[in-house]
PDB file of N, CA and C in Angstrom:
ATOM      1  N   UNK A   1     -20.346  18.267-118.060  1.00  0.00           N
ATOM      2  CA  UNK A   1     -18.653  18.716-117.997  1.00  0.00           C
ATOM      3  C   UNK A   1     -18.630  20.015-117.678  1.00  0.00           C
ATOM      4  N   UNK A   2     -19.232  20.770-118.080  1.00  0.00           N
ATOM      5  CA  UNK A   2     -19.312  22.229-117.785  1.00  0.00           C
ATOM      6  C   UNK A   2     -19.612  22.451-116.299  1.00  0.00           C
ATOM      7  N   UNK A   3     -20.695  21.671-115.670  1.00  0.00           N
ATOM      8  CA  UNK A   3     -21.119  21.857-114.341  1.00  0.00           C
ATOM      9  C   UNK A   3     -20.053  21.366-113.434  1.00  0.00           C
ATOM     10  N   UNK A   4     -19.604  20.157-113.818  1.00  0.00           N
ATOM     11  CA  UNK A   4     -18.331  19.595-112.893  1.00  0.00           C
ATOM     12  C   UNK A   4     -17.248  20.612-112.815  1.00  0.00           C
ATOM     13  N   UNK A   5     -16.742  21.215-113.885  1.00  0.00           N
ATOM     14  CA  UNK A   5     -15.688  22.065-113.701  1.00  0.00           C
ATOM     15  C   UNK A   5     -16.102  23.297-112.999  1.00  0.00           C
ATOM     16  N   UNK A   6     -17.385  23.924-113.214  1.00  0.00           N
ATOM     17  CA  UNK A   6     -17.807  25.017-112.422  1.00  0.00           C
ATOM     18  C   UNK A   6     -17.918  24.660-110.949  1.00  0.00           C
ATOM     19  N   UNK A   7     -18.397  23.504-110.476  1.00  0.00           N
ATOM     20  CA  UNK A   7     -18.384  23.299-109.045  1.00  0.00           C
ATOM     21  C   UNK A   7     -17.089  22.892-108.440  1.00  0.00           C
ATOM     22  N   UNK A   8     -16.175  22.580-109.257  1.00  0.00           N
ATOM     23  CA  UNK A   8     -14.683  22.375-108.702  1.00  0.00           C
ATOM     24  C   UNK A   8     -13.964  23.759-108.700  1.00  0.00           C
ATOM     25  N   UNK A   9     -14.419  24.513-109.451  1.00  0.00           N
ATOM     26  CA  UNK A   9     -13.771  25.682-109.394  1.00  0.00           C
ATOM     27  C   UNK A   9     -14.565  27.063-109.323  1.00  0.00           C
ATOM     28  N   UNK A  10     -15.311  27.212-108.370  1.00  0.00           N
ATOM     29  CA  UNK A  10     -16.087  28.039-108.130  1.00  0.00           C
ATOM     30  C   UNK A  10     -15.799  29.820-108.321  1.00  0.00           C
ATOM     31  N   UNK A  11     -14.794  29.743-107.942  1.00  0.00           N
ATOM     32  CA  UNK A  11     -13.805  31.308-107.950  1.00  0.00           C
ATOM     33  C   UNK A  11     -13.154  31.439-109.399  1.00  0.00           C
ATOM     34  N   UNK A  12     -13.044  30.598-110.164  1.00  0.00           N
ATOM     35  CA  UNK A  12     -12.534  30.618-111.429  1.00  0.00           C
ATOM     36  C   UNK A  12     -10.936  31.009-111.316  1.00  0.00           C
ATOM     37  N   UNK A  13     -10.286  30.088-110.536  1.00  0.00           N
ATOM     38  CA  UNK A  13      -8.834  30.454-110.235  1.00  0.00           C
ATOM     39  C   UNK A  13      -8.047  29.283-110.905  1.00  0.00           C
ATOM     40  N   UNK A  14      -8.659  28.542-111.584  1.00  0.00           N
ATOM     41  CA  UNK A  14      -7.870  27.394-112.019  1.00  0.00           C
ATOM     42  C   UNK A  14      -8.366  26.802-113.385  1.00  0.00           C
ATOM     43  N   UNK A  15      -9.096  25.605-113.491  1.00  0.00           N
ATOM     44  CA  UNK A  15      -9.456  25.036-114.796  1.00  0.00           C
ATOM     45  C   UNK A  15     -10.699  25.610-115.338  1.00  0.00           C
ATOM     46  N   UNK A  16     -11.556  26.427-114.571  1.00  0.00           N
ATOM     47  CA  UNK A  16     -12.602  27.008-115.151  1.00  0.00           C
ATOM     48  C   UNK A  16     -12.484  28.152-116.029  1.00  0.00           C
ATOM     49  N   UNK A  17     -11.174  28.667-115.918  1.00  0.00           N
ATOM     50  CA  UNK A  17     -10.913  29.576-117.049  1.00  0.00           C
ATOM     51  C   UNK A  17     -10.900  29.097-118.392  1.00  0.00           C
ATOM     52  N   UNK A  18     -10.704  27.755-118.420  1.00  0.00           N
ATOM     53  CA  UNK A  18     -10.424  26.949-119.834  1.00  0.00           C
ATOM     54  C   UNK A  18     -11.797  27.397-120.432  1.00  0.00           C
ATOM     55  N   UNK A  19     -12.936  27.422-119.589  1.00  0.00           N
ATOM     56  CA  UNK A  19     -14.374  27.969-120.272  1.00  0.00           C
ATOM     57  C   UNK A  19     -14.622  29.016-120.960  1.00  0.00           C
ATOM     58  N   UNK A  20     -13.708  29.825-120.723  1.00  0.00           N
ATOM     59  CA  UNK A  20     -13.690  31.282-121.299  1.00  0.00           C
ATOM     60  C   UNK A  20     -13.090  31.336-122.637  1.00  0.00           C
ATOM     61  N   UNK A  21     -12.212  30.245-123.099  1.00  0.00           N
ATOM     62  CA  UNK A  21     -11.752  30.080-124.455  1.00  0.00           C
ATOM     63  C   UNK A  21     -12.610  30.766-125.538  1.00  0.00           C
ATOM     64  N   UNK A  22     -12.330  31.701-126.168  1.00  0.00           N
ATOM     65  CA  UNK A  22     -13.100  32.280-127.364  1.00  0.00           C
ATOM     66  C   UNK A  22     -14.013  33.256-127.122  1.00  0.00           C
ATOM     67  N   UNK A  23     -14.403  33.437-125.676  1.00  0.00           N
ATOM     68  CA  UNK A  23     -15.343  34.381-125.356  1.00  0.00           C
ATOM     69  C   UNK A  23     -14.836  35.880-125.482  1.00  0.00           C
ATOM     70  N   UNK A  24     -13.510  36.014-124.918  1.00  0.00           N
ATOM     71  CA  UNK A  24     -12.891  37.414-124.774  1.00  0.00           C
ATOM     72  C   UNK A  24     -12.983  38.064-126.395  1.00  0.00           C
ATOM     73  N   UNK A  25     -12.508  37.080-127.287  1.00  0.00           N
ATOM     74  CA  UNK A  25     -12.541  37.869-128.725  1.00  0.00           C
ATOM     75  C   UNK A  25     -13.837  37.995-129.185  1.00  0.00           C
ATOM     76  N   UNK A  26     -15.039  36.979-128.826  1.00  0.00           N
ATOM     77  CA  UNK A  26     -16.179  37.102-128.997  1.00  0.00           C
ATOM     78  C   UNK A  26     -16.973  38.407-128.558  1.00  0.00           C
ATOM     79  N   UNK A  27     -16.950  38.496-127.316  1.00  0.00           N
ATOM     80  CA  UNK A  27     -17.635  39.770-126.733  1.00  0.00           C
ATOM     81  C   UNK A  27     -16.736  41.108-127.391  1.00  0.00           C
ATOM     82  N   UNK A  28     -15.751  41.097-127.571  1.00  0.00           N
ATOM     83  CA  UNK A  28     -15.148  41.936-128.259  1.00  0.00           C
ATOM     84  C   UNK A  28     -15.409  42.365-129.846  1.00  0.00           C
ATOM     85  N   UNK A  29     -15.788  41.203-130.378  1.00  0.00           N
ATOM     86  CA  UNK A  29     -16.264  41.397-131.831  1.00  0.00           C
ATOM     87  C   UNK A  29     -17.907  41.829-131.845  1.00  0.00           C
ATOM     88  N   UNK A  30     -18.479  41.230-130.961  1.00  0.00           N
ATOM     89  CA  UNK A  30     -19.856  41.472-130.930  1.00  0.00           C
ATOM     90  C   UNK A  30     -19.801  43.094-130.563  1.00  0.00           C
ATOM     91  N   UNK A  31     -19.138  43.614-129.623  1.00  0.00           N
ATOM     92  CA  UNK A  31     -19.347  45.019-129.293  1.00  0.00           C
ATOM     93  C   UNK A  31     -18.692  46.060-130.585  1.00  0.00           C
ATOM     94  N   UNK A  32     -17.589  45.593-131.081  1.00  0.00           N
ATOM     95  CA  UNK A  32     -16.904  46.292-132.094  1.00  0.00           C
ATOM     96  C   UNK A  32     -17.557  46.380-133.196  1.00  0.00           C
ATOM     97  N   UNK A  33     -18.267  45.290-133.715  1.00  0.00           N
ATOM     98  CA  UNK A  33     -18.959  45.322-134.980  1.00  0.00           C
ATOM     99  C   UNK A  33     -20.732  45.607-135.076  1.00  0.00           C
ATOM    100  N   UNK A  34     -21.025  45.460-133.731  1.00  0.00           N
ATOM    101  CA  UNK A  34     -22.508  45.703-133.482  1.00  0.00           C
ATOM    102  C   UNK A  34     -23.360  44.357-134.061  1.00  0.00           C
ATOM    103  N   UNK A  35     -22.478  43.438-133.944  1.00  0.00           N
ATOM    104  CA  UNK A  35     -23.360  41.872-134.517  1.00  0.00           C
ATOM    105  C   UNK A  35     -23.906  41.585-133.335  1.00  0.00           C
ATOM    106  N   UNK A  36     -23.908  41.790-132.428  1.00  0.00           N
ATOM    107  CA  UNK A  36     -24.562  41.047-131.160  1.00  0.00           C
ATOM    108  C   UNK A  36     -25.972  40.617-131.385  1.00  0.00           C
ATOM    109  N   UNK A  37     -26.930  41.283-132.276  1.00  0.00           N
ATOM    110  CA  UNK A  37     -28.097  40.816-132.486  1.00  0.00           C
ATOM    111  C   UNK A  37     -28.103  39.999-133.952  1.00  0.00           C
ATOM    112  N   UNK A  38     -27.085  39.866-134.613  1.00  0.00           N
ATOM    113  CA  UNK A  38     -27.185  39.004-135.934  1.00  0.00           C
ATOM    114  C   UNK A  38     -26.252  37.854-135.627  1.00  0.00           C
ATOM    115  N   UNK A  39     -25.355  37.816-134.687  1.00  0.00           N
ATOM    116  CA  UNK A  39     -24.275  36.768-134.662  1.00  0.00           C
ATOM    117  C   UNK A  39     -24.744  35.916-133.481  1.00  0.00           C
ATOM    118  N   UNK A  40     -24.811  34.578-133.853  1.00  0.00           N
ATOM    119  CA  UNK A  40     -25.219  33.722-132.255  1.00  0.00           C
ATOM    120  C   UNK A  40     -24.138  33.622-131.583  1.00  0.00           C
ATOM    121  N   UNK A  41     -24.169  33.494-130.276  1.00  0.00           N
ATOM    122  CA  UNK A  41     -23.254  33.436-129.341  1.00  0.00           C
ATOM    123  C   UNK A  41     -22.184  32.466-129.661  1.00  0.00           C
ATOM    124  N   UNK A  42     -22.601  31.373-130.006  1.00  0.00           N
ATOM    125  CA  UNK A  42     -21.849  30.194-130.433  1.00  0.00           C
ATOM    126  C   UNK A  42     -20.897  30.348-131.648  1.00  0.00           C
ATOM    127  N   UNK A  43     -21.491  31.045-132.439  1.00  0.00           N
ATOM    128  CA  UNK A  43     -20.694  31.460-133.760  1.00  0.00           C
ATOM    129  C   UNK A  43     -19.546  32.399-133.344  1.00  0.00           C
ATOM    130  N   UNK A  44     -20.111  33.547-132.402  1.00  0.00           N
ATOM    131  CA  UNK A  44     -18.843  34.427-132.199  1.00  0.00           C
ATOM    132  C   UNK A  44     -17.778  33.651-131.204  1.00  0.00           C
ATOM    133  N   UNK A  45     -18.319  32.603-130.305  1.00  0.00           N
ATOM    134  CA  UNK A  45     -17.283  32.039-129.607  1.00  0.00           C
ATOM    135  C   UNK A  45     -16.422  31.115-130.515  1.00  0.00           C
ATOM    136  N   UNK A  46     -16.770  30.526-131.651  1.00  0.00           N
ATOM    137  CA  UNK A  46     -16.063  29.656-132.495  1.00  0.00           C
ATOM    138  C   UNK A  46     -15.039  30.800-133.421  1.00  0.00           C
ATOM    139  N   UNK A  47     -15.541  31.565-133.629  1.00  0.00           N
ATOM    140  CA  UNK A  47     -14.546  32.758-134.212  1.00  0.00           C
ATOM    141  C   UNK A  47     -13.346  33.229-133.419  1.00  0.00           C
ATOM    142  N   UNK A  48     -14.003  33.526-131.986  1.00  0.00           N
ATOM    143  CA  UNK A  48     -13.034  33.949-130.970  1.00  0.00           C
ATOM    144  C   UNK A  48     -11.942  32.835-130.891  1.00  0.00           C
ATOM    145  N   UNK A  49     -12.318  31.643-130.637  1.00  0.00           N
ATOM    146  CA  UNK A  49     -11.484  30.505-130.407  1.00  0.00           C
ATOM    147  C   UNK A  49     -10.264  30.497-131.783  1.00  0.00           C
ATOM    148  N   UNK A  50     -10.726  30.811-132.943  1.00  0.00           N
ATOM    149  CA  UNK A  50      -9.793  30.825-134.000  1.00  0.00           C
ATOM    150  C   UNK A  50      -8.878  32.048-133.894  1.00  0.00           C
ATOM    151  N   UNK A  51      -9.353  33.236-133.416  1.00  0.00           N
ATOM    152  CA  UNK A  51      -8.531  34.500-133.126  1.00  0.00           C
ATOM    153  C   UNK A  51      -7.759  34.134-132.098  1.00  0.00           C
ATOM    154  N   UNK A  52      -8.270  33.452-131.010  1.00  0.00           N
ATOM    155  CA  UNK A  52      -7.358  32.937-129.907  1.00  0.00           C
ATOM    156  C   UNK A  52      -6.059  32.205-130.447  1.00  0.00           C
ATOM    157  N   UNK A  53      -6.411  31.255-131.152  1.00  0.00           N
ATOM    158  CA  UNK A  53      -5.410  30.299-131.492  1.00  0.00           C
ATOM    159  C   UNK A  53      -4.414  30.951-132.383  1.00  0.00           C
ATOM    160  N   UNK A  54      -4.648  31.813-133.346  1.00  0.00           N
ATOM    161  CA  UNK A  54      -3.918  32.431-134.207  1.00  0.00           C
ATOM    162  C   UNK A  54      -3.027  33.385-133.403  1.00  0.00           C
ATOM    163  N   UNK A  55      -3.605  34.258-132.406  1.00  0.00           N
ATOM    164  CA  UNK A  55      -2.835  35.101-131.744  1.00  0.00           C
ATOM    165  C   UNK A  55      -1.735  34.386-130.798  1.00  0.00           C
ATOM    166  N   UNK A  56      -2.062  33.187-130.321  1.00  0.00           N
ATOM    167  CA  UNK A  56      -1.328  32.355-129.606  1.00  0.00           C
ATOM    168  C   UNK A  56      -0.141  32.083-130.440  1.00  0.00           C
ATOM    169  N   UNK A  57      -0.607  31.688-131.465  1.00  0.00           N
ATOM    170  CA  UNK A  57       0.695  31.169-132.550  1.00  0.00           C
ATOM    171  C   UNK A  57       1.681  32.353-132.961  1.00  0.00           C
ATOM    172  N   UNK A  58       0.908  33.510-133.073  1.00  0.00           N
ATOM    173  CA  UNK A  58       1.911  34.828-133.444  1.00  0.00           C
ATOM    174  C   UNK A  58       2.666  35.199-132.300  1.00  0.00           C
ATOM    175  N   UNK A  59       2.268  34.963-130.901  1.00  0.00           N
ATOM    176  CA  UNK A  59       2.979  35.281-129.765  1.00  0.00           C
ATOM    177  C   UNK A  59       4.080  34.177-129.706  1.00  0.00           C
ATOM    178  N   UNK A  60       3.777  33.188-130.266  1.00  0.00           N
ATOM    179  CA  UNK A  60       5.037  31.939-129.910  1.00  0.00           C
ATOM    180  C   UNK A  60       4.363  31.202-128.737  1.00  0.00           C
ATOM    181  N   UNK A  61       3.072  30.943-128.572  1.00  0.00           N
ATOM    182  CA  UNK A  61       2.681  30.127-127.494  1.00  0.00           C
ATOM    183  C   UNK A  61       2.366  29.102-127.793  1.00  0.00           C
ATOM    184  N   UNK A  62       1.596  28.957-128.957  1.00  0.00           N
ATOM    185  CA  UNK A  62       0.871  27.910-129.454  1.00  0.00           C
ATOM    186  C   UNK A  62       1.649  27.735-130.726  1.00  0.00           C
ATOM    187  N   UNK A  63       2.250  26.244-131.089  1.00  0.00           N
ATOM    188  CA  UNK A  63       3.078  25.861-132.402  1.00  0.00           C
ATOM    189  C   UNK A  63       2.354  25.894-133.491  1.00  0.00           C
ATOM    190  N   UNK A  64       2.842  26.415-134.465  1.00  0.00           N
ATOM    191  CA  UNK A  64       2.145  26.689-135.734  1.00  0.00           C
ATOM    192  C   UNK A  64       1.295  25.328-136.287  1.00  0.00           C
ATOM    193  N   UNK A  65       2.039  24.359-136.268  1.00  0.00           N
ATOM    194  CA  UNK A  65       1.379  23.002-136.489  1.00  0.00           C
ATOM    195  C   UNK A  65      -0.015  22.601-135.816  1.00  0.00           C
ATOM    196  N   UNK A  66       0.166  22.972-134.478  1.00  0.00           N
ATOM    197  CA  UNK A  66      -1.147  22.787-133.607  1.00  0.00           C
ATOM    198  C   UNK A  66      -2.356  23.488-134.078  1.00  0.00           C
ATOM    199  N   UNK A  67      -1.862  24.859-134.181  1.00  0.00           N
ATOM    200  CA  UNK A  67      -2.710  26.028-134.615  1.00  0.00           C
ATOM    201  C   UNK A  67      -3.354  25.608-136.057  1.00  0.00           C
ATOM    202  N   UNK A  68      -2.586  25.210-137.043  1.00  0.00           N
ATOM    203  CA  UNK A  68      -3.088  24.954-138.096  1.00  0.00           C
ATOM    204  C   UNK A  68      -4.306  23.751-138.296  1.00  0.00           C
ATOM    205  N   UNK A  69      -3.818  22.698-137.227  1.00  0.00           N
ATOM    206  CA  UNK A  69      -4.655  21.603-137.278  1.00  0.00           C
ATOM    207  C   UNK A  69      -6.085  22.025-136.569  1.00  0.00           C
ATOM    208  N   UNK A  70      -5.941  22.663-135.715  1.00  0.00           N
ATOM    209  CA  UNK A  70      -7.261  23.173-135.041  1.00  0.00           C
ATOM    210  C   UNK A  70      -7.759  23.891-136.081  1.00  0.00           C
ATOM    211  N   UNK A  71      -7.457  24.869-136.443  1.00  0.00           N
ATOM    212  CA  UNK A  71      -7.981  25.996-137.395  1.00  0.00           C
ATOM    213  C   UNK A  71      -8.530  25.126-138.679  1.00  0.00           C
ATOM    214  N   UNK A  72      -8.318  24.081-139.143  1.00  0.00           N
ATOM    215  CA  UNK A  72      -8.557  23.523-140.710  1.00  0.00           C
ATOM    216  C   UNK A  72      -8.961  22.099-140.430  1.00  0.00           C
ATOM    217  N   UNK A  73      -9.375  21.591-138.986  1.00  0.00           N
ATOM    218  CA  UNK A  73     -10.220  20.242-138.796  1.00  0.00           C
ATOM    219  C   UNK A  73     -11.500  20.551-139.020  1.00  0.00           C
ATOM    220  N   UNK A  74     -12.354  19.728-139.727  1.00  0.00           N
ATOM    221  CA  UNK A  74     -14.017  19.972-139.975  1.00  0.00           C
ATOM    222  C   UNK A  74     -14.529  19.104-138.951  1.00  0.00           C
TER     223      UNK A  74
END
């Protein structure tokens, strides 16, 4: 699925940006805490996704109901 998205949007001007969800917070977390050698990248991205949804909710971009559903689904 990722390969298809990248192939359709090589310059990251559309849907490819969706692949970055969680990465911005992840890299900031790794850098700020020095956890890059102890935190698996996927774990960091997962935490980053949670932070992105919470931030979106606080900014009024994501409805609280959706945010809670995403954060508390196992």
